[in-house]
Each structure stands twice: as structure tokens, then as C-alpha cells.
Protein backbone atom coordinates (compact mmCIF):
# COMPACT_ATOMS: atom_id res chain seq x y z
CA MET A 1 146.31 136.57 132.42
CA ASN A 2 143.05 135.94 134.38
CA LEU A 3 144.51 132.77 135.90
CA ILE A 4 147.60 134.67 137.22
CA PHE A 5 145.39 137.29 138.82
CA LYS A 6 143.29 134.55 140.50
CA ILE A 7 146.33 132.91 141.89
CA LEU A 8 147.59 136.21 143.10
CA LEU A 9 144.35 136.96 144.86
CA GLY A 10 144.43 133.57 146.58
CA LEU A 11 148.00 133.99 147.61
CA VAL A 12 147.16 137.39 148.99
CA LEU A 13 144.27 136.09 150.89
CA LEU A 14 146.44 133.45 152.51
CA ALA A 15 149.05 136.12 153.31
CA PRO A 16 148.37 136.21 157.06
CA VAL A 17 149.29 132.58 157.49
CA PRO A 18 152.98 132.82 157.38
CA PHE A 19 153.15 135.77 159.78
CA GLY A 20 152.33 133.39 162.60
CA SER A 21 155.32 131.31 161.71
CA TYR A 22 158.60 131.76 163.43
CA ASN A 23 160.46 130.58 160.28
CA PRO A 24 161.55 133.36 158.06
CA TRP A 25 161.42 131.07 154.99
CA ALA A 26 157.61 131.17 155.12
CA TRP A 27 157.70 134.95 154.83
CA THR A 28 160.15 134.56 151.95
CA VAL A 29 158.31 132.18 150.01
CA LEU A 30 155.08 134.35 150.23
CA ALA A 31 157.03 137.53 149.14
CA VAL A 32 158.79 135.91 146.27
CA GLY A 33 155.37 134.28 145.15
CA VAL A 34 153.62 137.54 145.16
CA GLY A 35 156.49 139.47 143.51
CA LEU A 36 156.75 136.90 140.73
CA LEU A 37 153.02 136.89 140.09
CA VAL A 38 152.72 140.80 140.13
CA ILE A 39 155.72 141.00 137.61
CA SER A 40 154.17 138.21 135.24
CA TRP A 41 150.79 139.84 135.50
CA SER A 42 152.20 143.19 134.75
CA VAL A 43 154.44 142.06 131.78
CA LEU A 44 151.30 140.06 130.27
CA SER A 45 149.20 143.15 130.58
CA TRP A 46 151.76 145.34 128.86
CA ILE A 47 152.36 142.92 126.10
CA SER A 48 148.70 142.37 125.42
CA GLY A 49 148.19 146.13 125.25
CA GLU A 50 145.20 146.21 127.58
CA ALA A 51 144.11 149.30 129.52
CA PRO A 52 144.88 149.06 133.32
CA PRO A 53 141.76 147.97 135.17
CA VAL A 54 141.86 151.42 137.27
CA SER A 55 142.97 154.71 135.82
CA VAL A 56 145.65 156.56 137.32
CA ALA A 57 143.24 159.59 137.89
CA LYS A 58 141.57 157.54 140.42
CA ILE A 59 144.46 156.27 142.44
CA TRP A 60 146.92 159.20 142.49
CA PRO A 61 146.02 160.39 146.18
CA SER A 62 146.67 156.88 147.38
CA ALA A 63 149.85 156.56 145.30
CA VAL A 64 151.26 159.78 146.62
CA MET A 65 150.55 158.85 150.28
CA PHE A 66 152.31 155.50 149.57
CA GLY A 67 155.16 157.29 148.25
CA LEU A 68 155.43 159.56 151.22
CA VAL A 69 155.34 156.42 153.45
CA LEU A 70 158.15 154.82 151.48
CA LEU A 71 160.23 158.16 151.58
CA TRP A 72 159.77 158.11 155.38
CA ILE A 73 160.94 154.51 155.62
CA MET A 74 164.10 155.40 153.57
CA LEU A 75 164.82 158.24 155.81
CA GLN A 76 164.41 156.18 158.89
CA THR A 77 166.96 153.62 157.63
CA ALA A 78 169.41 156.15 156.22
CA THR A 79 172.73 156.48 158.25
CA TRP A 80 173.23 160.18 157.32
CA THR A 81 170.04 161.49 159.07
CA PRO A 82 170.53 163.69 162.28
CA VAL A 83 170.54 161.79 165.54
CA PHE A 84 167.59 163.80 166.95
CA TRP A 85 165.39 162.24 164.23
CA HIS A 86 166.06 158.73 165.48
CA HIS A 87 163.66 156.99 168.06
CA PRO A 88 165.41 156.11 171.32
CA ILE A 89 164.52 152.47 170.71
CA PHE A 90 166.82 152.47 167.67
CA SER A 91 169.80 152.78 169.86
CA LEU A 92 169.04 149.61 171.78
CA LYS A 93 171.45 146.68 170.89
CA HIS A 94 170.76 142.82 170.92
CA GLY A 95 171.15 141.24 174.32
CA THR A 96 170.71 144.34 176.64
CA THR A 97 168.49 144.07 179.30
CA THR A 98 165.97 147.02 179.24
CA GLU A 99 162.34 147.80 180.14
CA MET A 100 160.06 149.51 177.69
CA THR A 101 156.72 150.98 178.45
CA CYS A 102 154.70 152.05 175.46
CA SER A 103 151.32 154.00 175.21
CA LEU A 104 149.60 156.19 172.63
CA GLY A 105 151.86 158.94 173.73
CA GLY A 106 155.07 157.13 172.88
CA CYS A 107 157.63 154.78 174.41
CA LEU A 108 159.75 155.16 177.60
CA VAL A 109 162.83 153.09 177.61
CA GLU A 110 164.56 152.40 181.05
CA PHE A 111 168.07 150.89 181.25
């Protein structure tokens, strides 16, 4: 189990490398590798009966914030949300010629 964790740690440390690639297969290999290693490490930890390395009492604030981010992502990708919740850039289609200016205050899209 320690070997799986070390391989996972090494893969996570190399994670920025494929993001410079144009090919989506590099991202896919990284995502599948990390997913398989996390699943195998979790299953081995569960089978061996070991206690988690960090208690839930210490990470619950981070877990709640992560859950809220996931909820926001799901709301943004939902088709049933009101149109006024959508960002103007969401309405852009592939192939249109537009000019977009972004700053800390938001984005201005000119058609």
C-alpha cells in the first residue's frame, strides 16, 4: 500500500507536464492513472482496516468548501438554470469572431 501511495504522489507531482500538451490523450492518461491509483489505495486501506491518515474532524471545513464548488460547477453546467445566471461568454459559439476584454471586474464581449 505504501508503494501505491508513492506512485500516486509521483504522478501528482508530474501532473503539470501534460497540461502543456495540445493532445488530450496526455490529460486522459494522467486522469485515469490518478483515478486508478486512488481507488486501489482506498480499497487496500479499507480491506486492511487501517484508520485514515487524517481524521474527518480536521478536514470537514475543506470538504464542505469543495462540495460547494462541486455544486456550483453542476449548477453552471445544468440546462434548467435561469438564463440570467449564465455568463455572457457561455452564449458564444464556435467559429464566431468576437473580441473579448477581461479584467478583475469581469469580461466585456463585443460582437
